[in-house]
Amino acid sequence: MNTPISHLEYPRWLDRRWRGAIIASALLMAAPAGRAMAEPYNPYNFPADQVARIGDVCQSVIGVQPGESHYVRCVVSLTGSLHNLSRGQDLAQARQGCLRQGLEPETPALSECVLHTAQATPLPAWASPTAPSNVSKASDTGEARPFKSYFYASPRDVHRRVEESCAQLGFDPRSDAFARCTASLRASLFAADNPMN
């Protein structure tokens, strides 16, 4: 009669060997994943300098650091806003081109032309405004001072930083895209401040 052997009946050296093998396997498997996670967030294939600029704005303007959940949410939000801005510009340019070809407005032919033209257009590089500064203006003295960490900023200061972030990435403060950028970033930071348990 075969009786199952409990793990307590295995020799101790076998347990140590398996523990070591399991740990070594986990480390080997985690190494490529760790490298992949270290890659910058770039689902829309922006040029590297644009991706770096988004991270710089999150650090120098919002006041969050890589590795923090607030930083991740800031980068994801601003990347999505820039993609939407670029996509809207592509669609508008494609529509103008298709109308110049003589296609009639509000027709399936125009819609298909706009879609195919916009898809064929590479992502434009946005204009590089002045480099993000690591200072904010003190309202009472008018002197420049370094940005404090996000975690020590007042709600009013965070509101200003959010607007400054979108402006530094080229969003026109008078545009709907600017309003969407700031709303998205505020919502992302709020979600990081209030994680669901």
C-alpha atoms as a PDB file:
ATOM      1  CA  MET A   1       0.000   0.000   0.000  1.00  0.00           C
ATOM      2  CA  ASN A   2       1.369   3.364  -1.065  1.00  0.00           C
ATOM      3  CA  THR A   3       1.057   6.059   1.508  1.00  0.00           C
ATOM      4  CA  PRO A   4       1.709   9.704   0.626  1.00  0.00           C
ATOM      5  CA  ILE A   5       4.888  11.152   2.089  1.00  0.00           C
ATOM      6  CA  SER A   6       4.400  14.410   3.917  1.00  0.00           C
ATOM      7  CA  HIS A   7       6.852  17.238   3.363  1.00  0.00           C
ATOM      8  CA  LEU A   8       8.129  16.641   6.893  1.00  0.00           C
ATOM      9  CA  GLU A   9       9.569  13.265   5.829  1.00  0.00           C
ATOM     10  CA  TYR A  10      11.750  14.781   3.047  1.00  0.00           C
ATOM     11  CA  PRO A  11      15.383  15.282   3.983  1.00  0.00           C
ATOM     12  CA  ARG A  12      16.208  18.778   5.180  1.00  0.00           C
ATOM     13  CA  TRP A  13      18.868  19.279   2.453  1.00  0.00           C
ATOM     14  CA  LEU A  14      16.171  18.721  -0.211  1.00  0.00           C
ATOM     15  CA  ASP A  15      14.003  21.476   1.257  1.00  0.00           C
ATOM     16  CA  ARG A  16      16.961  23.892   1.272  1.00  0.00           C
ATOM     17  CA  ARG A  17      17.871  23.003  -2.304  1.00  0.00           C
ATOM     18  CA  TRP A  18      14.315  23.556  -3.541  1.00  0.00           C
ATOM     19  CA  ARG A  19      14.002  26.804  -1.650  1.00  0.00           C
ATOM     20  CA  GLY A  20      17.227  28.015  -3.260  1.00  0.00           C
ATOM     21  CA  ALA A  21      16.088  26.890  -6.717  1.00  0.00           C
ATOM     22  CA  ILE A  22      12.737  28.599  -6.302  1.00  0.00           C
ATOM     23  CA  ILE A  23      14.352  31.841  -5.160  1.00  0.00           C
ATOM     24  CA  ALA A  24      16.920  31.743  -7.993  1.00  0.00           C
ATOM     25  CA  SER A  25      14.160  31.093 -10.554  1.00  0.00           C
ATOM     26  CA  ALA A  26      12.087  33.944  -9.201  1.00  0.00           C
ATOM     27  CA  LEU A  27      15.049  36.319  -9.413  1.00  0.00           C
ATOM     28  CA  LEU A  28      15.862  35.261 -12.975  1.00  0.00           C
ATOM     29  CA  MET A  29      12.246  35.682 -14.041  1.00  0.00           C
ATOM     30  CA  ALA A  30      11.973  39.047 -12.297  1.00  0.00           C
ATOM     31  CA  ALA A  31      15.078  40.491 -13.966  1.00  0.00           C
ATOM     32  CA  PRO A  32      13.515  40.984 -17.438  1.00  0.00           C
ATOM     33  CA  ALA A  33      10.294  42.223 -15.853  1.00  0.00           C
ATOM     34  CA  GLY A  34      12.270  44.709 -13.772  1.00  0.00           C
ATOM     35  CA  ARG A  35      13.995  46.025 -16.874  1.00  0.00           C
ATOM     36  CA  ALA A  36      10.662  46.338 -18.658  1.00  0.00           C
ATOM     37  CA  MET A  37       9.180  48.205 -15.705  1.00  0.00           C
ATOM     38  CA  ALA A  38      12.154  50.588 -15.705  1.00  0.00           C
ATOM     39  CA  GLU A  39      11.320  51.626 -19.263  1.00  0.00           C
ATOM     40  CA  PRO A  40       9.561  54.998 -19.446  1.00  0.00           C
ATOM     41  CA  TYR A  41       5.806  54.963 -19.910  1.00  0.00           C
ATOM     42  CA  ASN A  42       5.339  55.547 -23.651  1.00  0.00           C
ATOM     43  CA  PRO A  43       2.347  53.696 -25.132  1.00  0.00           C
ATOM     44  CA  TYR A  44       2.014  56.217 -27.991  1.00  0.00           C
ATOM     45  CA  ASN A  45       5.664  56.050 -29.112  1.00  0.00           C
ATOM     46  CA  PHE A  46       6.465  59.693 -28.424  1.00  0.00           C
ATOM     47  CA  PRO A  47      10.090  60.668 -29.084  1.00  0.00           C
ATOM     48  CA  ALA A  48      12.368  60.095 -26.089  1.00  0.00           C
ATOM     49  CA  ASP A  49      12.847  63.812 -25.412  1.00  0.00           C
ATOM     50  CA  GLN A  50       9.090  64.312 -25.123  1.00  0.00           C
ATOM     51  CA  VAL A  51       8.756  61.368 -22.743  1.00  0.00           C
ATOM     52  CA  ALA A  52      11.590  62.785 -20.625  1.00  0.00           C
ATOM     53  CA  ARG A  53       9.911  66.200 -20.656  1.00  0.00           C
ATOM     54  CA  ILE A  54       6.695  64.757 -19.205  1.00  0.00           C
ATOM     55  CA  GLY A  55       8.675  63.137 -16.372  1.00  0.00           C
ATOM     56  CA  ASP A  56      10.557  66.387 -15.779  1.00  0.00           C
ATOM     57  CA  VAL A  57       7.303  68.336 -15.465  1.00  0.00           C
ATOM     58  CA  CYS A  58       5.908  65.817 -12.968  1.00  0.00           C
ATOM     59  CA  GLN A  59       9.070  66.120 -10.892  1.00  0.00           C
ATOM     60  CA  SER A  60       9.858  69.817 -11.127  1.00  0.00           C
ATOM     61  CA  VAL A  61       6.362  71.312 -11.269  1.00  0.00           C
ATOM     62  CA  ILE A  62       4.041  68.893  -9.478  1.00  0.00           C
ATOM     63  CA  GLY A  63       6.763  67.917  -6.999  1.00  0.00           C
ATOM     64  CA  VAL A  64       6.571  64.127  -7.135  1.00  0.00           C
ATOM     65  CA  GLN A  65       9.405  61.660  -7.677  1.00  0.00           C
ATOM     66  CA  PRO A  66       9.814  58.486  -9.758  1.00  0.00           C
ATOM     67  CA  GLY A  67       8.699  55.446  -7.812  1.00  0.00           C
ATOM     68  CA  GLU A  68       5.793  57.262  -6.140  1.00  0.00           C
ATOM     69  CA  SER A  69       2.253  56.423  -7.202  1.00  0.00           C
ATOM     70  CA  HIS A  70       1.576  60.141  -7.689  1.00  0.00           C
ATOM     71  CA  TYR A  71       4.448  60.344 -10.187  1.00  0.00           C
ATOM     72  CA  VAL A  72       3.122  57.364 -12.142  1.00  0.00           C
ATOM     73  CA  ARG A  73      -0.374  58.845 -12.272  1.00  0.00           C
ATOM     74  CA  CYS A  74       1.008  62.247 -13.295  1.00  0.00           C
ATOM     75  CA  VAL A  75       3.004  60.736 -16.172  1.00  0.00           C
ATOM     76  CA  VAL A  76       0.088  58.592 -17.354  1.00  0.00           C
ATOM     77  CA  SER A  77      -2.318  61.550 -17.242  1.00  0.00           C
ATOM     78  CA  LEU A  78      -0.049  64.001 -19.075  1.00  0.00           C
ATOM     79  CA  THR A  79       0.935  61.390 -21.659  1.00  0.00           C
ATOM     80  CA  GLY A  80      -2.734  60.694 -22.399  1.00  0.00           C
ATOM     81  CA  SER A  81      -3.525  64.403 -22.629  1.00  0.00           C
ATOM     82  CA  LEU A  82      -0.685  64.981 -25.086  1.00  0.00           C
ATOM     83  CA  HIS A  83      -1.789  62.025 -27.177  1.00  0.00           C
ATOM     84  CA  ASN A  84      -5.333  63.378 -27.301  1.00  0.00           C
ATOM     85  CA  LEU A  85      -4.044  66.821 -28.260  1.00  0.00           C
ATOM     86  CA  SER A  86      -1.871  65.361 -31.033  1.00  0.00           C
ATOM     87  CA  ARG A  87      -4.722  63.162 -32.241  1.00  0.00           C
ATOM     88  CA  GLY A  88      -7.133  66.113 -32.348  1.00  0.00           C
ATOM     89  CA  GLN A  89      -4.617  68.152 -34.334  1.00  0.00           C
ATOM     90  CA  ASP A  90      -4.060  65.237 -36.736  1.00  0.00           C
ATOM     91  CA  LEU A  91      -7.801  64.849 -37.301  1.00  0.00           C
ATOM     92  CA  ALA A  92      -8.295  68.573 -37.908  1.00  0.00           C
ATOM     93  CA  GLN A  93      -5.439  68.697 -40.430  1.00  0.00           C
ATOM     94  CA  ALA A  94      -6.632  65.519 -42.133  1.00  0.00           C
ATOM     95  CA  ARG A  95     -10.162  66.945 -42.438  1.00  0.00           C
ATOM     96  CA  GLN A  96      -8.853  70.116 -44.086  1.00  0.00           C
ATOM     97  CA  GLY A  97      -6.826  68.048 -46.551  1.00  0.00           C
ATOM     98  CA  CYS A  98      -9.784  65.844 -47.423  1.00  0.00           C
ATOM     99  CA  LEU A  99     -12.067  68.865 -47.925  1.00  0.00           C
ATOM    100  CA  ARG A 100      -9.444  70.364 -50.276  1.00  0.00           C
ATOM    101  CA  GLN A 101      -9.707  67.148 -52.317  1.00  0.00           C
ATOM    102  CA  GLY A 102     -13.360  68.035 -52.963  1.00  0.00           C
ATOM    103  CA  LEU A 103     -15.038  65.604 -50.594  1.00  0.00           C
ATOM    104  CA  GLU A 104     -18.387  66.784 -49.256  1.00  0.00           C
ATOM    105  CA  PRO A 105     -18.883  67.472 -45.535  1.00  0.00           C
ATOM    106  CA  GLU A 106     -20.941  65.021 -43.475  1.00  0.00           C
ATOM    107  CA  THR A 107     -20.406  62.114 -45.898  1.00  0.00           C
ATOM    108  CA  PRO A 108     -18.978  58.644 -45.266  1.00  0.00           C
ATOM    109  CA  ALA A 109     -16.306  59.337 -47.897  1.00  0.00           C
ATOM    110  CA  LEU A 110     -15.048  62.360 -45.956  1.00  0.00           C
ATOM    111  CA  SER A 111     -15.075  60.444 -42.674  1.00  0.00           C
ATOM    112  CA  GLU A 112     -13.080  57.567 -44.172  1.00  0.00           C
ATOM    113  CA  CYS A 113     -10.607  59.960 -45.778  1.00  0.00           C
ATOM    114  CA  VAL A 114     -10.061  61.796 -42.470  1.00  0.00           C
ATOM    115  CA  LEU A 115      -9.580  58.560 -40.557  1.00  0.00           C
ATOM    116  CA  HIS A 116      -7.111  57.038 -43.038  1.00  0.00           C
ATOM    117  CA  THR A 117      -5.169  60.287 -43.479  1.00  0.00           C
ATOM    118  CA  ALA A 118      -4.877  60.856 -39.711  1.00  0.00           C
ATOM    119  CA  GLN A 119      -3.728  57.263 -39.152  1.00  0.00           C
ATOM    120  CA  ALA A 120      -1.000  57.677 -41.757  1.00  0.00           C
ATOM    121  CA  THR A 121       0.290  60.897 -40.186  1.00  0.00           C
ATOM    122  CA  PRO A 122       3.212  60.437 -37.760  1.00  0.00           C
ATOM    123  CA  LEU A 123       2.841  61.966 -34.320  1.00  0.00           C
ATOM    124  CA  PRO A 124       3.994  65.585 -34.428  1.00  0.00           C
ATOM    125  CA  ALA A 125       6.566  66.936 -32.039  1.00  0.00           C
ATOM    126  CA  TRP A 126       4.933  69.534 -29.860  1.00  0.00           C
ATOM    127  CA  ALA A 127       6.546  72.906 -29.578  1.00  0.00           C
ATOM    128  CA  SER A 128       9.102  73.014 -26.817  1.00  0.00           C
ATOM    129  CA  PRO A 129       8.222  75.901 -24.565  1.00  0.00           C
ATOM    130  CA  THR A 130      10.725  77.087 -22.025  1.00  0.00           C
ATOM    131  CA  ALA A 131      12.277  74.327 -19.990  1.00  0.00           C
ATOM    132  CA  PRO A 132      10.466  73.580 -16.752  1.00  0.00           C
ATOM    133  CA  SER A 133      11.781  75.683 -13.948  1.00  0.00           C
ATOM    134  CA  ASN A 134      12.267  74.307 -10.497  1.00  0.00           C
ATOM    135  CA  VAL A 135      10.964  77.456  -8.889  1.00  0.00           C
ATOM    136  CA  SER A 136       7.629  78.990  -8.091  1.00  0.00           C
ATOM    137  CA  LYS A 137       6.859  82.595  -7.259  1.00  0.00           C
ATOM    138  CA  ALA A 138       6.186  83.458  -3.674  1.00  0.00           C
ATOM    139  CA  SER A 139       3.024  85.529  -3.851  1.00  0.00           C
ATOM    140  CA  ASP A 140       3.890  87.825  -0.959  1.00  0.00           C
ATOM    141  CA  THR A 141       7.544  88.596  -1.761  1.00  0.00           C
ATOM    142  CA  GLY A 142       7.698  88.006  -5.516  1.00  0.00           C
ATOM    143  CA  GLU A 143      10.985  86.131  -4.999  1.00  0.00           C
ATOM    144  CA  ALA A 144      11.628  82.792  -6.646  1.00  0.00           C
ATOM    145  CA  ARG A 145      11.752  79.782  -4.356  1.00  0.00           C
ATOM    146  CA  PRO A 146      12.131  76.041  -4.991  1.00  0.00           C
ATOM    147  CA  PHE A 147       8.959  74.010  -5.368  1.00  0.00           C
ATOM    148  CA  LYS A 148       8.080  72.082  -2.241  1.00  0.00           C
ATOM    149  CA  SER A 149       7.181  68.432  -2.447  1.00  0.00           C
ATOM    150  CA  TYR A 150       3.625  67.810  -3.618  1.00  0.00           C
ATOM    151  CA  PHE A 151       2.899  66.303  -0.225  1.00  0.00           C
ATOM    152  CA  TYR A 152       3.504  69.653   1.511  1.00  0.00           C
ATOM    153  CA  ALA A 153       1.683  71.832  -1.025  1.00  0.00           C
ATOM    154  CA  SER A 154      -1.628  73.515  -0.212  1.00  0.00           C
ATOM    155  CA  PRO A 155      -4.671  72.708  -2.367  1.00  0.00           C
ATOM    156  CA  ARG A 156      -4.384  76.160  -3.947  1.00  0.00           C
ATOM    157  CA  ASP A 157      -0.723  75.552  -4.754  1.00  0.00           C
ATOM    158  CA  VAL A 158      -1.523  72.127  -6.248  1.00  0.00           C
ATOM    159  CA  HIS A 159      -4.177  73.790  -8.439  1.00  0.00           C
ATOM    160  CA  ARG A 160      -1.556  76.242  -9.746  1.00  0.00           C
ATOM    161  CA  ARG A 161       0.971  73.456 -10.301  1.00  0.00           C
ATOM    162  CA  VAL A 162      -1.532  71.422 -12.309  1.00  0.00           C
ATOM    163  CA  GLU A 163      -2.238  74.396 -14.571  1.00  0.00           C
ATOM    164  CA  GLU A 164       1.484  75.161 -14.889  1.00  0.00           C
ATOM    165  CA  SER A 165       2.182  71.539 -15.875  1.00  0.00           C
ATOM    166  CA  CYS A 166      -0.286  71.612 -18.754  1.00  0.00           C
ATOM    167  CA  ALA A 167       0.930  75.047 -19.856  1.00  0.00           C
ATOM    168  CA  GLN A 168       4.578  73.937 -19.859  1.00  0.00           C
ATOM    169  CA  LEU A 169       3.664  71.063 -22.169  1.00  0.00           C
ATOM    170  CA  GLY A 170       2.198  73.486 -24.696  1.00  0.00           C
ATOM    171  CA  PHE A 171      -1.526  73.512 -23.901  1.00  0.00           C
ATOM    172  CA  ASP A 172      -3.124  76.888 -24.596  1.00  0.00           C
ATOM    173  CA  PRO A 173      -4.876  78.014 -21.371  1.00  0.00           C
ATOM    174  CA  ARG A 174      -7.806  79.293 -23.463  1.00  0.00           C
ATOM    175  CA  SER A 175      -8.456  75.908 -25.074  1.00  0.00           C
ATOM    176  CA  ASP A 176     -10.730  73.004 -24.209  1.00  0.00           C
ATOM    177  CA  ALA A 177      -7.658  70.753 -24.425  1.00  0.00           C
ATOM    178  CA  PHE A 178      -6.088  72.719 -21.542  1.00  0.00           C
ATOM    179  CA  ALA A 179      -9.240  72.256 -19.452  1.00  0.00           C
ATOM    180  CA  ARG A 180      -9.230  68.516 -20.210  1.00  0.00           C
ATOM    181  CA  CYS A 181      -5.511  68.262 -19.371  1.00  0.00           C
ATOM    182  CA  THR A 182      -5.930  69.977 -15.996  1.00  0.00           C
ATOM    183  CA  ALA A 183      -9.094  68.012 -15.147  1.00  0.00           C
ATOM    184  CA  SER A 184      -7.386  64.722 -15.967  1.00  0.00           C
ATOM    185  CA  LEU A 185      -4.283  65.563 -13.928  1.00  0.00           C
ATOM    186  CA  ARG A 186      -6.349  66.737 -10.933  1.00  0.00           C
ATOM    187  CA  ALA A 187      -8.400  63.533 -11.059  1.00  0.00           C
ATOM    188  CA  SER A 188      -5.249  61.402 -11.282  1.00  0.00           C
ATOM    189  CA  LEU A 189      -3.638  63.099  -8.304  1.00  0.00           C
ATOM    190  CA  PHE A 190      -6.880  62.850  -6.325  1.00  0.00           C
ATOM    191  CA  ALA A 191      -7.023  59.113  -7.072  1.00  0.00           C
ATOM    192  CA  ALA A 192      -3.432  58.746  -5.847  1.00  0.00           C
ATOM    193  CA  ASP A 193      -4.311  60.694  -2.692  1.00  0.00           C
ATOM    194  CA  ASN A 194      -7.355  58.496  -2.078  1.00  0.00           C
ATOM    195  CA  PRO A 195      -6.488  54.928  -3.094  1.00  0.00           C
ATOM    196  CA  MET A 196      -9.265  52.389  -2.863  1.00  0.00           C
ATOM    197  CA  ASN A 197      -8.519  49.763  -0.243  1.00  0.00           C
END
